[in-house]
Amino acid sequence: MRLKHQLEGEKAPVLTEAQVAAGHPKVSVESDFQGLSYGARVSTKFGWLWMTLATAFFVLMLYSVAQGVVRINGRLVTTPEWWHYLQMTAIYVPFLLIGFAFTMARYRVTLTDDQVTVRWRIIPFLGWTWSLAVGDQVRVKLAFDGTEINGKPVPAVVMASGGKEISFGSMLKDDVKEYLAGAIQHYYGVPEEVNPSVPPDLPPGPPDRQG
């Protein structure tokens, strides 16, 4: 039941025109020929801790190479050349990118009448892009998409339309996720809810026969 509730999530908050116009201090807004775009940066304590440690080790290893006390490919380098520094940098690039992903990566959500496009970039030109075709209705909610922090599920912004859905932003701050979800739902309008307790309008049947 708990997992079912997490997957169903919560509806996007309903924002007023004034709230949308006021914006959010951590969310940028841009309107151009591509559509209306919202941008937000990922910034986590884990990411900054990782970046601090990775950068410290990286500087330490470069200093050790300069001092001639580091083995590269099993050989002690006593007179380092430029390619030795390049090799050491290449080793640390993946670790630094992980740090960037949790501290400096940015989401850019572009809204148009027929499509939602989400771009996630660790650094410029490096990241992923995914999109959702927009139908008559777009439903936005905050729901679990599989991401956990310390074993605790965290919600993401989930958008669904035409039987398909995409999700993003599980590592964003809660207030940022709530604002983005509300702003996206405000752009496309709150979908009409079907109340199953109220029967649909039926065509008139044959007149009752008097016995």
C-alpha atoms as a PDB file:
ATOM      1  CA  MET A   1       0.000   0.000   0.000  1.00  0.00           C
ATOM      2  CA  ARG A   2       2.868   2.360   0.782  1.00  0.00           C
ATOM      3  CA  LEU A   3       4.494   1.698  -2.608  1.00  0.00           C
ATOM      4  CA  LYS A   4       1.142   2.168  -4.355  1.00  0.00           C
ATOM      5  CA  HIS A   5       0.699   5.500  -2.614  1.00  0.00           C
ATOM      6  CA  GLN A   6       4.238   6.579  -3.541  1.00  0.00           C
ATOM      7  CA  LEU A   7       3.716   5.666  -7.191  1.00  0.00           C
ATOM      8  CA  GLU A   8       0.364   7.440  -7.350  1.00  0.00           C
ATOM      9  CA  GLY A   9       1.958  10.473  -5.719  1.00  0.00           C
ATOM     10  CA  GLU A  10       0.352  13.828  -5.077  1.00  0.00           C
ATOM     11  CA  LYS A  11      -1.214  16.194  -7.556  1.00  0.00           C
ATOM     12  CA  ALA A  12       0.741  19.272  -8.545  1.00  0.00           C
ATOM     13  CA  PRO A  13      -0.074  22.272  -6.352  1.00  0.00           C
ATOM     14  CA  VAL A  14      -2.501  24.707  -7.933  1.00  0.00           C
ATOM     15  CA  LEU A  15      -0.688  28.015  -8.464  1.00  0.00           C
ATOM     16  CA  THR A  16      -2.440  31.306  -8.964  1.00  0.00           C
ATOM     17  CA  GLU A  17      -1.510  33.796 -11.667  1.00  0.00           C
ATOM     18  CA  ALA A  18       0.192  35.927  -9.018  1.00  0.00           C
ATOM     19  CA  GLN A  19       2.311  33.001  -7.776  1.00  0.00           C
ATOM     20  CA  VAL A  20       3.380  32.092 -11.303  1.00  0.00           C
ATOM     21  CA  ALA A  21       4.206  35.716 -12.081  1.00  0.00           C
ATOM     22  CA  ALA A  22       6.168  36.090  -8.825  1.00  0.00           C
ATOM     23  CA  GLY A  23       8.332  33.117  -9.769  1.00  0.00           C
ATOM     24  CA  HIS A  24      10.729  31.233  -7.517  1.00  0.00           C
ATOM     25  CA  PRO A  25      14.169  32.448  -6.394  1.00  0.00           C
ATOM     26  CA  LYS A  26      15.803  29.180  -7.470  1.00  0.00           C
ATOM     27  CA  VAL A  27      13.991  28.843 -10.802  1.00  0.00           C
ATOM     28  CA  SER A  28      14.784  30.898 -13.900  1.00  0.00           C
ATOM     29  CA  VAL A  29      12.153  31.713 -16.514  1.00  0.00           C
ATOM     30  CA  GLU A  30      12.728  32.446 -20.184  1.00  0.00           C
ATOM     31  CA  SER A  31      10.276  32.955 -23.006  1.00  0.00           C
ATOM     32  CA  ASP A  32      11.423  32.817 -26.630  1.00  0.00           C
ATOM     33  CA  PHE A  33      10.527  31.298 -29.984  1.00  0.00           C
ATOM     34  CA  GLN A  34      11.055  27.799 -28.549  1.00  0.00           C
ATOM     35  CA  GLY A  35       8.378  28.297 -25.899  1.00  0.00           C
ATOM     36  CA  LEU A  36       8.299  28.983 -22.169  1.00  0.00           C
ATOM     37  CA  SER A  37      11.325  27.526 -20.369  1.00  0.00           C
ATOM     38  CA  TYR A  38      11.998  26.955 -16.684  1.00  0.00           C
ATOM     39  CA  GLY A  39      15.531  26.283 -15.440  1.00  0.00           C
ATOM     40  CA  ALA A  40      16.737  24.899 -12.117  1.00  0.00           C
ATOM     41  CA  ARG A  41      20.104  23.751 -10.816  1.00  0.00           C
ATOM     42  CA  VAL A  42      20.771  20.579  -8.823  1.00  0.00           C
ATOM     43  CA  SER A  43      22.576  21.307  -5.563  1.00  0.00           C
ATOM     44  CA  THR A  44      22.927  18.591  -2.914  1.00  0.00           C
ATOM     45  CA  LYS A  45      25.037  18.229   0.228  1.00  0.00           C
ATOM     46  CA  PHE A  46      26.280  14.873  -1.049  1.00  0.00           C
ATOM     47  CA  GLY A  47      27.401  16.497  -4.292  1.00  0.00           C
ATOM     48  CA  TRP A  48      29.350  19.273  -2.580  1.00  0.00           C
ATOM     49  CA  LEU A  49      31.001  16.778  -0.210  1.00  0.00           C
ATOM     50  CA  TRP A  50      31.937  14.587  -3.194  1.00  0.00           C
ATOM     51  CA  MET A  51      33.285  17.583  -5.120  1.00  0.00           C
ATOM     52  CA  THR A  52      35.362  18.737  -2.151  1.00  0.00           C
ATOM     53  CA  LEU A  53      36.952  15.328  -1.603  1.00  0.00           C
ATOM     54  CA  ALA A  54      37.444  14.599  -5.319  1.00  0.00           C
ATOM     55  CA  THR A  55      39.041  17.998  -5.933  1.00  0.00           C
ATOM     56  CA  ALA A  56      41.316  17.631  -2.895  1.00  0.00           C
ATOM     57  CA  PHE A  57      42.512  14.197  -4.048  1.00  0.00           C
ATOM     58  CA  PHE A  58      42.927  15.461  -7.609  1.00  0.00           C
ATOM     59  CA  VAL A  59      45.144  18.366  -6.503  1.00  0.00           C
ATOM     60  CA  LEU A  60      47.082  16.059  -4.183  1.00  0.00           C
ATOM     61  CA  MET A  61      47.760  13.553  -6.981  1.00  0.00           C
ATOM     62  CA  LEU A  62      48.893  16.295  -9.378  1.00  0.00           C
ATOM     63  CA  TYR A  63      51.232  17.608  -6.703  1.00  0.00           C
ATOM     64  CA  SER A  64      52.552  14.069  -6.105  1.00  0.00           C
ATOM     65  CA  VAL A  65      53.203  13.650  -9.838  1.00  0.00           C
ATOM     66  CA  ALA A  66      55.187  16.892  -9.809  1.00  0.00           C
ATOM     67  CA  GLN A  67      57.225  15.598  -6.873  1.00  0.00           C
ATOM     68  CA  GLY A  68      57.903  12.295  -8.626  1.00  0.00           C
ATOM     69  CA  VAL A  69      56.345  10.034  -5.997  1.00  0.00           C
ATOM     70  CA  VAL A  70      53.437   8.554  -8.000  1.00  0.00           C
ATOM     71  CA  ARG A  71      53.275   5.350 -10.023  1.00  0.00           C
ATOM     72  CA  ILE A  72      51.433   5.565 -13.330  1.00  0.00           C
ATOM     73  CA  ASN A  73      50.697   2.268 -15.084  1.00  0.00           C
ATOM     74  CA  GLY A  74      52.878   0.550 -12.510  1.00  0.00           C
ATOM     75  CA  ARG A  75      55.952   2.693 -13.147  1.00  0.00           C
ATOM     76  CA  LEU A  76      57.356   5.336 -10.817  1.00  0.00           C
ATOM     77  CA  VAL A  77      57.448   8.689 -12.603  1.00  0.00           C
ATOM     78  CA  THR A  78      60.431  10.673 -11.343  1.00  0.00           C
ATOM     79  CA  THR A  79      60.581  13.190 -14.198  1.00  0.00           C
ATOM     80  CA  PRO A  80      56.948  13.853 -15.189  1.00  0.00           C
ATOM     81  CA  GLU A  81      56.085  15.096 -18.651  1.00  0.00           C
ATOM     82  CA  TRP A  82      52.903  16.824 -19.795  1.00  0.00           C
ATOM     83  CA  TRP A  83      51.247  13.543 -20.814  1.00  0.00           C
ATOM     84  CA  HIS A  84      51.631  12.219 -17.274  1.00  0.00           C
ATOM     85  CA  TYR A  85      49.501  15.092 -16.013  1.00  0.00           C
ATOM     86  CA  LEU A  86      47.051  14.412 -18.844  1.00  0.00           C
ATOM     87  CA  GLN A  87      46.801  10.751 -17.833  1.00  0.00           C
ATOM     88  CA  MET A  88      46.133  11.674 -14.217  1.00  0.00           C
ATOM     89  CA  THR A  89      43.486  14.199 -15.262  1.00  0.00           C
ATOM     90  CA  ALA A  90      41.755  11.608 -17.465  1.00  0.00           C
ATOM     91  CA  ILE A  91      41.574   9.221 -14.498  1.00  0.00           C
ATOM     92  CA  TYR A  92      39.797  11.822 -12.375  1.00  0.00           C
ATOM     93  CA  VAL A  93      37.386  13.158 -15.011  1.00  0.00           C
ATOM     94  CA  PRO A  94      34.607  10.602 -14.207  1.00  0.00           C
ATOM     95  CA  PHE A  95      34.814  11.415 -10.489  1.00  0.00           C
ATOM     96  CA  LEU A  96      34.620  15.141 -11.174  1.00  0.00           C
ATOM     97  CA  LEU A  97      31.645  14.655 -13.517  1.00  0.00           C
ATOM     98  CA  ILE A  98      29.775  12.806 -10.763  1.00  0.00           C
ATOM     99  CA  GLY A  99      30.366  15.811  -8.528  1.00  0.00           C
ATOM    100  CA  PHE A 100      29.156  18.198 -11.235  1.00  0.00           C
ATOM    101  CA  ALA A 101      26.006  16.078 -11.700  1.00  0.00           C
ATOM    102  CA  PHE A 102      25.001  16.651  -8.071  1.00  0.00           C
ATOM    103  CA  THR A 103      26.117  20.279  -7.717  1.00  0.00           C
ATOM    104  CA  MET A 104      26.126  22.168 -11.022  1.00  0.00           C
ATOM    105  CA  ALA A 105      23.896  20.151 -13.361  1.00  0.00           C
ATOM    106  CA  ARG A 106      20.859  22.040 -14.669  1.00  0.00           C
ATOM    107  CA  TYR A 107      17.379  21.126 -15.791  1.00  0.00           C
ATOM    108  CA  ARG A 108      15.696  23.135 -18.529  1.00  0.00           C
ATOM    109  CA  VAL A 109      11.995  22.393 -19.057  1.00  0.00           C
ATOM    110  CA  THR A 110      10.542  23.887 -22.248  1.00  0.00           C
ATOM    111  CA  LEU A 111       6.759  24.029 -22.597  1.00  0.00           C
ATOM    112  CA  THR A 112       4.950  24.391 -25.917  1.00  0.00           C
ATOM    113  CA  ASP A 113       1.390  23.694 -26.971  1.00  0.00           C
ATOM    114  CA  ASP A 114       2.265  20.282 -28.381  1.00  0.00           C
ATOM    115  CA  GLN A 115       5.329  19.079 -26.442  1.00  0.00           C
ATOM    116  CA  VAL A 116       7.225  19.160 -23.159  1.00  0.00           C
ATOM    117  CA  THR A 117      11.007  18.939 -23.521  1.00  0.00           C
ATOM    118  CA  VAL A 118      13.285  18.298 -20.548  1.00  0.00           C
ATOM    119  CA  ARG A 119      17.021  18.825 -20.913  1.00  0.00           C
ATOM    120  CA  TRP A 120      19.458  17.770 -18.202  1.00  0.00           C
ATOM    121  CA  ARG A 121      23.060  18.912 -18.666  1.00  0.00           C
ATOM    122  CA  ILE A 122      25.972  18.042 -16.378  1.00  0.00           C
ATOM    123  CA  ILE A 123      28.106  20.516 -18.298  1.00  0.00           C
ATOM    124  CA  PRO A 124      27.260  22.209 -21.610  1.00  0.00           C
ATOM    125  CA  PHE A 125      26.589  19.635 -24.363  1.00  0.00           C
ATOM    126  CA  LEU A 126      26.845  16.676 -21.954  1.00  0.00           C
ATOM    127  CA  GLY A 127      23.632  15.190 -20.627  1.00  0.00           C
ATOM    128  CA  TRP A 128      20.258  13.803 -21.672  1.00  0.00           C
ATOM    129  CA  THR A 129      17.115  15.109 -23.338  1.00  0.00           C
ATOM    130  CA  TRP A 130      13.652  13.579 -23.263  1.00  0.00           C
ATOM    131  CA  SER A 131      10.239  14.793 -24.375  1.00  0.00           C
ATOM    132  CA  LEU A 132       6.520  14.140 -24.042  1.00  0.00           C
ATOM    133  CA  ALA A 133       3.942  14.815 -26.742  1.00  0.00           C
ATOM    134  CA  VAL A 134       1.071  16.837 -25.306  1.00  0.00           C
ATOM    135  CA  GLY A 135      -2.494  15.743 -25.910  1.00  0.00           C
ATOM    136  CA  ASP A 136      -5.780  17.244 -24.784  1.00  0.00           C
ATOM    137  CA  GLN A 137      -4.826  17.003 -21.123  1.00  0.00           C
ATOM    138  CA  VAL A 138      -1.572  16.996 -19.195  1.00  0.00           C
ATOM    139  CA  ARG A 139      -1.475  15.634 -15.669  1.00  0.00           C
ATOM    140  CA  VAL A 140       1.386  16.640 -13.394  1.00  0.00           C
ATOM    141  CA  LYS A 141       2.136  15.109 -10.019  1.00  0.00           C
ATOM    142  CA  LEU A 142       4.938  14.526  -7.528  1.00  0.00           C
ATOM    143  CA  ALA A 143       5.519  10.782  -7.364  1.00  0.00           C
ATOM    144  CA  PHE A 144       8.196   8.150  -6.762  1.00  0.00           C
ATOM    145  CA  ASP A 145      10.064   7.204  -9.947  1.00  0.00           C
ATOM    146  CA  GLY A 146      12.616   4.805  -8.454  1.00  0.00           C
ATOM    147  CA  THR A 147      15.111   7.252  -6.927  1.00  0.00           C
ATOM    148  CA  GLU A 148      16.063   6.784  -3.281  1.00  0.00           C
ATOM    149  CA  ILE A 149      18.319   8.733  -0.905  1.00  0.00           C
ATOM    150  CA  ASN A 150      19.710   6.735   2.020  1.00  0.00           C
ATOM    151  CA  GLY A 151      17.037   4.126   1.375  1.00  0.00           C
ATOM    152  CA  LYS A 152      14.220   6.702   1.465  1.00  0.00           C
ATOM    153  CA  PRO A 153      12.128   7.184  -1.694  1.00  0.00           C
ATOM    154  CA  VAL A 154      12.077  10.742  -3.026  1.00  0.00           C
ATOM    155  CA  PRO A 155       9.431  12.106  -5.400  1.00  0.00           C
ATOM    156  CA  ALA A 156      10.064  13.437  -8.877  1.00  0.00           C
ATOM    157  CA  VAL A 157       8.016  15.676 -11.148  1.00  0.00           C
ATOM    158  CA  VAL A 158       5.954  13.280 -13.254  1.00  0.00           C
ATOM    159  CA  MET A 159       4.064  14.442 -16.364  1.00  0.00           C
ATOM    160  CA  ALA A 160       1.577  12.251 -18.220  1.00  0.00           C
ATOM    161  CA  SER A 161      -0.379  12.786 -21.422  1.00  0.00           C
ATOM    162  CA  GLY A 162      -1.818  10.494 -24.066  1.00  0.00           C
ATOM    163  CA  GLY A 163      -1.008   7.351 -22.115  1.00  0.00           C
ATOM    164  CA  LYS A 164       2.703   8.185 -21.807  1.00  0.00           C
ATOM    165  CA  GLU A 165       4.686   9.866 -19.062  1.00  0.00           C
ATOM    166  CA  ILE A 166       8.120  11.218 -18.241  1.00  0.00           C
ATOM    167  CA  SER A 167       9.689  12.225 -14.935  1.00  0.00           C
ATOM    168  CA  PHE A 168      12.583  14.408 -13.854  1.00  0.00           C
ATOM    169  CA  GLY A 169      14.086  16.329 -10.975  1.00  0.00           C
ATOM    170  CA  SER A 170      14.097  13.804  -8.149  1.00  0.00           C
ATOM    171  CA  MET A 171      17.321  15.373  -6.778  1.00  0.00           C
ATOM    172  CA  LEU A 172      15.975  18.931  -6.839  1.00  0.00           C
ATOM    173  CA  LYS A 173      14.938  20.693  -3.645  1.00  0.00           C
ATOM    174  CA  ASP A 174      11.359  19.974  -2.553  1.00  0.00           C
ATOM    175  CA  ASP A 175      10.216  23.590  -2.917  1.00  0.00           C
ATOM    176  CA  VAL A 176      11.701  23.757  -6.417  1.00  0.00           C
ATOM    177  CA  LYS A 177       9.948  20.541  -7.459  1.00  0.00           C
ATOM    178  CA  GLU A 178       6.638  21.788  -6.099  1.00  0.00           C
ATOM    179  CA  TYR A 179       6.935  25.099  -7.943  1.00  0.00           C
ATOM    180  CA  LEU A 180       7.926  23.455 -11.239  1.00  0.00           C
ATOM    181  CA  ALA A 181       5.080  20.956 -10.996  1.00  0.00           C
ATOM    182  CA  GLY A 182       2.595  23.744 -10.259  1.00  0.00           C
ATOM    183  CA  ALA A 183       3.942  26.001 -13.002  1.00  0.00           C
ATOM    184  CA  ILE A 184       3.773  23.224 -15.612  1.00  0.00           C
ATOM    185  CA  GLN A 185       0.224  22.306 -14.592  1.00  0.00           C
ATOM    186  CA  HIS A 186      -0.760  25.978 -14.670  1.00  0.00           C
ATOM    187  CA  TYR A 187       0.589  26.317 -18.224  1.00  0.00           C
ATOM    188  CA  TYR A 188      -1.471  23.407 -19.549  1.00  0.00           C
ATOM    189  CA  GLY A 189      -4.443  23.903 -17.255  1.00  0.00           C
ATOM    190  CA  VAL A 190      -5.796  21.715 -14.498  1.00  0.00           C
ATOM    191  CA  PRO A 191      -7.373  18.617 -16.124  1.00  0.00           C
ATOM    192  CA  GLU A 192     -11.020  17.919 -15.576  1.00  0.00           C
ATOM    193  CA  GLU A 193     -11.638  15.243 -12.991  1.00  0.00           C
ATOM    194  CA  VAL A 194     -14.134  12.474 -13.584  1.00  0.00           C
ATOM    195  CA  ASN A 195     -16.253  11.722 -10.534  1.00  0.00           C
ATOM    196  CA  PRO A 196     -17.129   8.010 -10.672  1.00  0.00           C
ATOM    197  CA  SER A 197     -19.954   8.512  -8.148  1.00  0.00           C
ATOM    198  CA  VAL A 198     -21.856  10.691 -10.619  1.00  0.00           C
ATOM    199  CA  PRO A 199     -23.262   8.665 -13.528  1.00  0.00           C
ATOM    200  CA  PRO A 200     -22.707  10.122 -16.996  1.00  0.00           C
ATOM    201  CA  ASP A 201     -25.546  11.718 -18.882  1.00  0.00           C
ATOM    202  CA  LEU A 202     -27.499   9.017 -20.697  1.00  0.00           C
ATOM    203  CA  PRO A 203     -29.824   9.427 -23.649  1.00  0.00           C
ATOM    204  CA  PRO A 204     -33.513   9.279 -22.722  1.00  0.00           C
ATOM    205  CA  GLY A 205     -34.916   5.762 -22.761  1.00  0.00           C
ATOM    206  CA  PRO A 206     -38.327   4.599 -23.923  1.00  0.00           C
ATOM    207  CA  PRO A 207     -41.295   6.010 -21.970  1.00  0.00           C
ATOM    208  CA  ASP A 208     -42.505   3.961 -19.037  1.00  0.00           C
ATOM    209  CA  ARG A 209     -45.511   1.825 -19.854  1.00  0.00           C
ATOM    210  CA  GLN A 210     -48.444   2.108 -17.565  1.00  0.00           C
ATOM    211  CA  GLY A 211     -49.672  -1.317 -16.502  1.00  0.00           C
END
